[in-house]
């Protein structure tokens, strides 16, 4: 059965996204839920609308995942592809095609950010990868993505005990060839998001998606 996304939370003031208003698409990490990254919105530019999706794979009563963990850092491509398609279907059904979309993902959700960019390079205005990684494969959209080089923020801590150094090295080598990269490494930060990183993300968003685009 194909993955299905049927739960999302939106910015409370906006019952529906507004055509043309830039949209932050929050994608949580393994074992979390749609309310998790929604809390970041208050630290980011207010001119951005936002929506936070629940991953389709239930792994506990309140925890969800975009794909199963088999070999850490090297997921099987098929379930990752299914989750990517599910997000794109949700966007097709709920977001106006004129809306600039910026996926923002943490950990496993960070991989989903890279997947969206690789699957539909022209659809997304930018991307934010937080303590994330990338699929160890060559995908059909990679060549187009390398041509377009959308703005991407890649932030991580230097004492992350969840994402292995080898996995981090893979995305750190891949991103410069496929994006216009802003990379930040935070001393002493584990598998988490800091106030300093949120300030850097906010500045990145203002630069990557100018107010005239809204």
C-alpha atoms as a PDB file:
ATOM      1  CA  UNK A   1       0.000   0.000   0.000  1.00  0.00           C
ATOM      2  CA  UNK A   2       1.285   3.467  -0.832  1.00  0.00           C
ATOM      3  CA  UNK A   3       2.147   5.833   2.000  1.00  0.00           C
ATOM      4  CA  UNK A   4      -0.629   8.247   2.923  1.00  0.00           C
ATOM      5  CA  UNK A   5      -0.421  11.529   4.820  1.00  0.00           C
ATOM      6  CA  UNK A   6      -3.718  12.353   6.497  1.00  0.00           C
ATOM      7  CA  UNK A   7      -2.734  14.528   9.484  1.00  0.00           C
ATOM      8  CA  UNK A   8      -1.287  18.031   9.394  1.00  0.00           C
ATOM      9  CA  UNK A   9      -1.289  21.119  11.582  1.00  0.00           C
ATOM     10  CA  UNK A  10      -1.288  24.647  10.187  1.00  0.00           C
ATOM     11  CA  UNK A  11      -0.481  28.125  11.362  1.00  0.00           C
ATOM     12  CA  UNK A  12      -3.446  28.900  13.646  1.00  0.00           C
ATOM     13  CA  UNK A  13      -4.170  32.300  12.129  1.00  0.00           C
ATOM     14  CA  UNK A  14      -4.491  30.843   8.639  1.00  0.00           C
ATOM     15  CA  UNK A  15      -7.075  28.093   8.108  1.00  0.00           C
ATOM     16  CA  UNK A  16      -5.737  27.683   4.572  1.00  0.00           C
ATOM     17  CA  UNK A  17      -2.516  28.668   2.904  1.00  0.00           C
ATOM     18  CA  UNK A  18      -2.731  31.854   0.868  1.00  0.00           C
ATOM     19  CA  UNK A  19      -1.745  31.715  -2.817  1.00  0.00           C
ATOM     20  CA  UNK A  20       1.681  33.232  -3.308  1.00  0.00           C
ATOM     21  CA  UNK A  21       2.565  33.428   0.406  1.00  0.00           C
ATOM     22  CA  UNK A  22       5.767  31.447   1.094  1.00  0.00           C
ATOM     23  CA  UNK A  23       5.118  28.241   3.006  1.00  0.00           C
ATOM     24  CA  UNK A  24       7.409  26.443   5.448  1.00  0.00           C
ATOM     25  CA  UNK A  25       6.779  22.695   5.229  1.00  0.00           C
ATOM     26  CA  UNK A  26       7.866  21.124   8.540  1.00  0.00           C
ATOM     27  CA  UNK A  27       8.937  17.466   8.423  1.00  0.00           C
ATOM     28  CA  UNK A  28       9.631  15.889  11.805  1.00  0.00           C
ATOM     29  CA  UNK A  29      12.174  13.239  12.741  1.00  0.00           C
ATOM     30  CA  UNK A  30      11.893   9.518  13.468  1.00  0.00           C
ATOM     31  CA  UNK A  31       9.517   8.694  16.314  1.00  0.00           C
ATOM     32  CA  UNK A  32       8.099  12.214  16.561  1.00  0.00           C
ATOM     33  CA  UNK A  33       4.879  13.796  15.310  1.00  0.00           C
ATOM     34  CA  UNK A  34       3.396  16.779  13.501  1.00  0.00           C
ATOM     35  CA  UNK A  35       3.315  19.042  16.595  1.00  0.00           C
ATOM     36  CA  UNK A  36       7.073  18.821  17.126  1.00  0.00           C
ATOM     37  CA  UNK A  37       8.619  21.198  14.595  1.00  0.00           C
ATOM     38  CA  UNK A  38       5.553  23.440  14.594  1.00  0.00           C
ATOM     39  CA  UNK A  39       7.089  25.040  17.672  1.00  0.00           C
ATOM     40  CA  UNK A  40       9.915  26.418  15.525  1.00  0.00           C
ATOM     41  CA  UNK A  41       7.566  28.737  13.642  1.00  0.00           C
ATOM     42  CA  UNK A  42       7.512  31.389  16.373  1.00  0.00           C
ATOM     43  CA  UNK A  43      11.294  31.800  16.004  1.00  0.00           C
ATOM     44  CA  UNK A  44      11.187  32.255  12.221  1.00  0.00           C
ATOM     45  CA  UNK A  45      10.043  35.199  10.062  1.00  0.00           C
ATOM     46  CA  UNK A  46       6.350  35.869  10.609  1.00  0.00           C
ATOM     47  CA  UNK A  47       5.723  36.557   6.919  1.00  0.00           C
ATOM     48  CA  UNK A  48       6.026  32.811   6.221  1.00  0.00           C
ATOM     49  CA  UNK A  49       2.972  30.616   6.425  1.00  0.00           C
ATOM     50  CA  UNK A  50       3.617  27.090   7.722  1.00  0.00           C
ATOM     51  CA  UNK A  51       2.236  23.595   7.846  1.00  0.00           C
ATOM     52  CA  UNK A  52       3.579  20.548   9.675  1.00  0.00           C
ATOM     53  CA  UNK A  53       2.879  17.038   8.403  1.00  0.00           C
ATOM     54  CA  UNK A  54       2.637  13.746  10.280  1.00  0.00           C
ATOM     55  CA  UNK A  55       4.774  11.006   8.717  1.00  0.00           C
ATOM     56  CA  UNK A  56       2.733   8.061   7.418  1.00  0.00           C
ATOM     57  CA  UNK A  57       4.376   5.176   9.311  1.00  0.00           C
ATOM     58  CA  UNK A  58       3.144   4.657  12.902  1.00  0.00           C
ATOM     59  CA  UNK A  59       5.851   3.182  15.143  1.00  0.00           C
ATOM     60  CA  UNK A  60       4.170   3.823  18.527  1.00  0.00           C
ATOM     61  CA  UNK A  61       0.989   5.344  19.931  1.00  0.00           C
ATOM     62  CA  UNK A  62       2.310   8.856  19.350  1.00  0.00           C
ATOM     63  CA  UNK A  63       5.426   8.368  17.236  1.00  0.00           C
ATOM     64  CA  UNK A  64       5.707   8.286  13.456  1.00  0.00           C
ATOM     65  CA  UNK A  65       8.377   7.823  10.800  1.00  0.00           C
ATOM     66  CA  UNK A  66       8.827   8.589   7.131  1.00  0.00           C
ATOM     67  CA  UNK A  67      10.444   5.200   6.520  1.00  0.00           C
ATOM     68  CA  UNK A  68      11.711   2.229   8.578  1.00  0.00           C
ATOM     69  CA  UNK A  69      15.238   2.140   9.929  1.00  0.00           C
ATOM     70  CA  UNK A  70      17.052  -0.891   8.549  1.00  0.00           C
ATOM     71  CA  UNK A  71      20.719   0.047   8.326  1.00  0.00           C
ATOM     72  CA  UNK A  72      21.133   3.378  10.176  1.00  0.00           C
ATOM     73  CA  UNK A  73      21.996   6.144   7.709  1.00  0.00           C
ATOM     74  CA  UNK A  74      21.272   3.923   4.686  1.00  0.00           C
ATOM     75  CA  UNK A  75      17.522   3.427   4.318  1.00  0.00           C
ATOM     76  CA  UNK A  76      15.995   1.235   1.647  1.00  0.00           C
ATOM     77  CA  UNK A  77      15.088   3.417  -1.378  1.00  0.00           C
ATOM     78  CA  UNK A  78      11.550   2.064  -1.917  1.00  0.00           C
ATOM     79  CA  UNK A  79       9.900   3.271   1.321  1.00  0.00           C
ATOM     80  CA  UNK A  80      11.748   6.590   1.054  1.00  0.00           C
ATOM     81  CA  UNK A  81      10.326   7.000  -2.456  1.00  0.00           C
ATOM     82  CA  UNK A  82       6.824   6.147  -1.167  1.00  0.00           C
ATOM     83  CA  UNK A  83       7.065   8.793   1.556  1.00  0.00           C
ATOM     84  CA  UNK A  84       8.316  11.362  -0.942  1.00  0.00           C
ATOM     85  CA  UNK A  85       5.369  10.664  -3.231  1.00  0.00           C
ATOM     86  CA  UNK A  86       2.980  10.956  -0.286  1.00  0.00           C
ATOM     87  CA  UNK A  87       4.277  14.432   0.570  1.00  0.00           C
ATOM     88  CA  UNK A  88       4.039  15.540  -3.042  1.00  0.00           C
ATOM     89  CA  UNK A  89       0.462  14.243  -3.292  1.00  0.00           C
ATOM     90  CA  UNK A  90      -0.445  16.152  -0.136  1.00  0.00           C
ATOM     91  CA  UNK A  91       1.022  19.325  -1.605  1.00  0.00           C
ATOM     92  CA  UNK A  92      -0.881  18.779  -4.853  1.00  0.00           C
ATOM     93  CA  UNK A  93      -4.127  18.472  -2.900  1.00  0.00           C
ATOM     94  CA  UNK A  94      -3.652  21.276  -0.368  1.00  0.00           C
ATOM     95  CA  UNK A  95      -1.227  23.949  -1.615  1.00  0.00           C
ATOM     96  CA  UNK A  96      -1.710  26.324  -4.524  1.00  0.00           C
ATOM     97  CA  UNK A  97       0.878  25.790  -7.250  1.00  0.00           C
ATOM     98  CA  UNK A  98       1.905  29.469  -7.063  1.00  0.00           C
ATOM     99  CA  UNK A  99       3.065  29.071  -3.446  1.00  0.00           C
ATOM    100  CA  UNK A 100       6.839  29.148  -2.822  1.00  0.00           C
ATOM    101  CA  UNK A 101       7.502  26.084  -0.650  1.00  0.00           C
ATOM    102  CA  UNK A 102      10.488  25.655   1.661  1.00  0.00           C
ATOM    103  CA  UNK A 103      10.702  22.193   3.269  1.00  0.00           C
ATOM    104  CA  UNK A 104      12.278  22.250   6.745  1.00  0.00           C
ATOM    105  CA  UNK A 105      13.211  18.851   8.127  1.00  0.00           C
ATOM    106  CA  UNK A 106      14.968  17.473  11.194  1.00  0.00           C
ATOM    107  CA  UNK A 107      16.954  14.209  11.164  1.00  0.00           C
ATOM    108  CA  UNK A 108      14.884  11.710   9.123  1.00  0.00           C
ATOM    109  CA  UNK A 109      12.772  14.679   8.051  1.00  0.00           C
ATOM    110  CA  UNK A 110      15.985  16.294   6.818  1.00  0.00           C
ATOM    111  CA  UNK A 111      16.463  13.404   4.437  1.00  0.00           C
ATOM    112  CA  UNK A 112      12.933  14.008   3.197  1.00  0.00           C
ATOM    113  CA  UNK A 113      13.909  17.609   2.401  1.00  0.00           C
ATOM    114  CA  UNK A 114      16.693  16.368   0.134  1.00  0.00           C
ATOM    115  CA  UNK A 115      14.296  13.845  -1.409  1.00  0.00           C
ATOM    116  CA  UNK A 116      11.764  16.527  -2.306  1.00  0.00           C
ATOM    117  CA  UNK A 117      14.465  18.660  -3.900  1.00  0.00           C
ATOM    118  CA  UNK A 118      15.813  15.675  -5.830  1.00  0.00           C
ATOM    119  CA  UNK A 119      12.390  14.502  -6.997  1.00  0.00           C
ATOM    120  CA  UNK A 120      11.007  17.905  -8.056  1.00  0.00           C
ATOM    121  CA  UNK A 121      13.922  20.360  -8.284  1.00  0.00           C
ATOM    122  CA  UNK A 122      11.918  23.247  -9.719  1.00  0.00           C
ATOM    123  CA  UNK A 123       9.041  23.006  -7.239  1.00  0.00           C
ATOM    124  CA  UNK A 124      10.792  24.223  -4.084  1.00  0.00           C
ATOM    125  CA  UNK A 125      12.153  27.697  -3.402  1.00  0.00           C
ATOM    126  CA  UNK A 126      14.769  26.502  -0.898  1.00  0.00           C
ATOM    127  CA  UNK A 127      15.383  23.799   1.705  1.00  0.00           C
ATOM    128  CA  UNK A 128      16.433  23.559   5.351  1.00  0.00           C
ATOM    129  CA  UNK A 129      18.144  20.346   6.528  1.00  0.00           C
ATOM    130  CA  UNK A 130      18.657  20.098  10.295  1.00  0.00           C
ATOM    131  CA  UNK A 131      20.863  17.260  11.590  1.00  0.00           C
ATOM    132  CA  UNK A 132      19.814  15.331   8.502  1.00  0.00           C
ATOM    133  CA  UNK A 133      21.278  13.176   5.777  1.00  0.00           C
ATOM    134  CA  UNK A 134      20.696  12.052   2.191  1.00  0.00           C
ATOM    135  CA  UNK A 135      19.823   8.835   0.400  1.00  0.00           C
ATOM    136  CA  UNK A 136      22.883   6.909  -0.762  1.00  0.00           C
ATOM    137  CA  UNK A 137      21.753   6.659  -4.391  1.00  0.00           C
ATOM    138  CA  UNK A 138      21.751   8.520  -7.695  1.00  0.00           C
ATOM    139  CA  UNK A 139      18.253   9.817  -8.462  1.00  0.00           C
ATOM    140  CA  UNK A 140      16.738  10.996 -11.777  1.00  0.00           C
ATOM    141  CA  UNK A 141      16.350  14.605 -10.612  1.00  0.00           C
ATOM    142  CA  UNK A 142      19.940  15.007  -9.424  1.00  0.00           C
ATOM    143  CA  UNK A 143      21.237  16.427 -12.677  1.00  0.00           C
ATOM    144  CA  UNK A 144      18.494  19.056 -12.857  1.00  0.00           C
ATOM    145  CA  UNK A 145      19.003  19.910  -9.183  1.00  0.00           C
ATOM    146  CA  UNK A 146      22.727  20.414  -9.805  1.00  0.00           C
ATOM    147  CA  UNK A 147      21.821  22.826 -12.606  1.00  0.00           C
ATOM    148  CA  UNK A 148      19.323  24.840 -10.547  1.00  0.00           C
ATOM    149  CA  UNK A 149      21.250  24.807  -7.235  1.00  0.00           C
ATOM    150  CA  UNK A 150      18.460  26.073  -4.956  1.00  0.00           C
ATOM    151  CA  UNK A 151      19.433  27.683  -1.643  1.00  0.00           C
ATOM    152  CA  UNK A 152      19.849  25.069   1.106  1.00  0.00           C
ATOM    153  CA  UNK A 153      20.663  25.545   4.783  1.00  0.00           C
ATOM    154  CA  UNK A 154      22.442  22.575   6.393  1.00  0.00           C
ATOM    155  CA  UNK A 155      22.883  22.842  10.147  1.00  0.00           C
ATOM    156  CA  UNK A 156      24.181  20.275  12.612  1.00  0.00           C
ATOM    157  CA  UNK A 157      25.956  19.895  15.934  1.00  0.00           C
ATOM    158  CA  UNK A 158      29.513  18.652  16.169  1.00  0.00           C
ATOM    159  CA  UNK A 159      28.638  16.109  18.897  1.00  0.00           C
ATOM    160  CA  UNK A 160      25.605  14.514  17.211  1.00  0.00           C
ATOM    161  CA  UNK A 161      25.425  10.984  18.577  1.00  0.00           C
ATOM    162  CA  UNK A 162      22.577   9.862  16.313  1.00  0.00           C
ATOM    163  CA  UNK A 163      23.781  10.610  12.769  1.00  0.00           C
ATOM    164  CA  UNK A 164      27.135   8.914  12.200  1.00  0.00           C
ATOM    165  CA  UNK A 165      30.156  10.876  10.945  1.00  0.00           C
ATOM    166  CA  UNK A 166      30.143   8.757   7.759  1.00  0.00           C
ATOM    167  CA  UNK A 167      26.491   9.590   7.095  1.00  0.00           C
ATOM    168  CA  UNK A 168      27.107  13.272   7.746  1.00  0.00           C
ATOM    169  CA  UNK A 169      30.147  13.220   5.462  1.00  0.00           C
ATOM    170  CA  UNK A 170      27.995  11.843   2.643  1.00  0.00           C
ATOM    171  CA  UNK A 171      25.481  14.691   2.675  1.00  0.00           C
ATOM    172  CA  UNK A 172      28.199  17.268   3.337  1.00  0.00           C
ATOM    173  CA  UNK A 173      29.908  16.123   0.134  1.00  0.00           C
ATOM    174  CA  UNK A 174      26.665  15.891  -1.862  1.00  0.00           C
ATOM    175  CA  UNK A 175      25.082  19.255  -1.034  1.00  0.00           C
ATOM    176  CA  UNK A 176      27.740  21.598  -2.508  1.00  0.00           C
ATOM    177  CA  UNK A 177      27.309  20.001  -5.922  1.00  0.00           C
ATOM    178  CA  UNK A 178      23.499  20.184  -5.850  1.00  0.00           C
ATOM    179  CA  UNK A 179      22.634  23.413  -4.038  1.00  0.00           C
ATOM    180  CA  UNK A 180      23.677  26.909  -3.158  1.00  0.00           C
ATOM    181  CA  UNK A 181      24.742  25.867   0.292  1.00  0.00           C
ATOM    182  CA  UNK A 182      24.785  27.618   3.642  1.00  0.00           C
ATOM    183  CA  UNK A 183      26.396  25.172   6.083  1.00  0.00           C
ATOM    184  CA  UNK A 184      26.659  25.708   9.830  1.00  0.00           C
ATOM    185  CA  UNK A 185      28.271  23.441  12.428  1.00  0.00           C
ATOM    186  CA  UNK A 186      27.492  24.242  16.069  1.00  0.00           C
ATOM    187  CA  UNK A 187      30.130  23.408  18.705  1.00  0.00           C
ATOM    188  CA  UNK A 188      28.781  21.350  21.590  1.00  0.00           C
ATOM    189  CA  UNK A 189      25.368  20.765  19.984  1.00  0.00           C
ATOM    190  CA  UNK A 190      24.082  17.187  20.024  1.00  0.00           C
ATOM    191  CA  UNK A 191      21.166  15.824  17.953  1.00  0.00           C
ATOM    192  CA  UNK A 192      19.075  18.925  18.513  1.00  0.00           C
ATOM    193  CA  UNK A 193      18.335  22.487  17.400  1.00  0.00           C
ATOM    194  CA  UNK A 194      19.781  25.475  19.241  1.00  0.00           C
ATOM    195  CA  UNK A 195      18.693  29.105  19.589  1.00  0.00           C
ATOM    196  CA  UNK A 196      21.757  30.132  17.580  1.00  0.00           C
ATOM    197  CA  UNK A 197      20.745  27.775  14.791  1.00  0.00           C
ATOM    198  CA  UNK A 198      17.190  29.146  14.751  1.00  0.00           C
ATOM    199  CA  UNK A 199      18.569  32.665  14.344  1.00  0.00           C
ATOM    200  CA  UNK A 200      20.734  31.455  11.450  1.00  0.00           C
ATOM    201  CA  UNK A 201      17.762  29.724   9.816  1.00  0.00           C
ATOM    202  CA  UNK A 202      15.713  32.899  10.118  1.00  0.00           C
ATOM    203  CA  UNK A 203      18.440  34.946   8.429  1.00  0.00           C
ATOM    204  CA  UNK A 204      18.793  32.293   5.730  1.00  0.00           C
ATOM    205  CA  UNK A 205      15.063  32.336   4.970  1.00  0.00           C
ATOM    206  CA  UNK A 206      15.016  36.107   4.641  1.00  0.00           C
ATOM    207  CA  UNK A 207      17.907  35.931   2.162  1.00  0.00           C
ATOM    208  CA  UNK A 208      16.715  32.842   0.256  1.00  0.00           C
ATOM    209  CA  UNK A 209      13.073  33.920  -0.155  1.00  0.00           C
ATOM    210  CA  UNK A 210      12.952  37.724  -0.406  1.00  0.00           C
ATOM    211  CA  UNK A 211       9.864  39.522   0.850  1.00  0.00           C
ATOM    212  CA  UNK A 212       9.030  40.530  -2.726  1.00  0.00           C
ATOM    213  CA  UNK A 213       8.275  36.841  -3.419  1.00  0.00           C
ATOM    214  CA  UNK A 214       5.415  36.828  -0.930  1.00  0.00           C
END
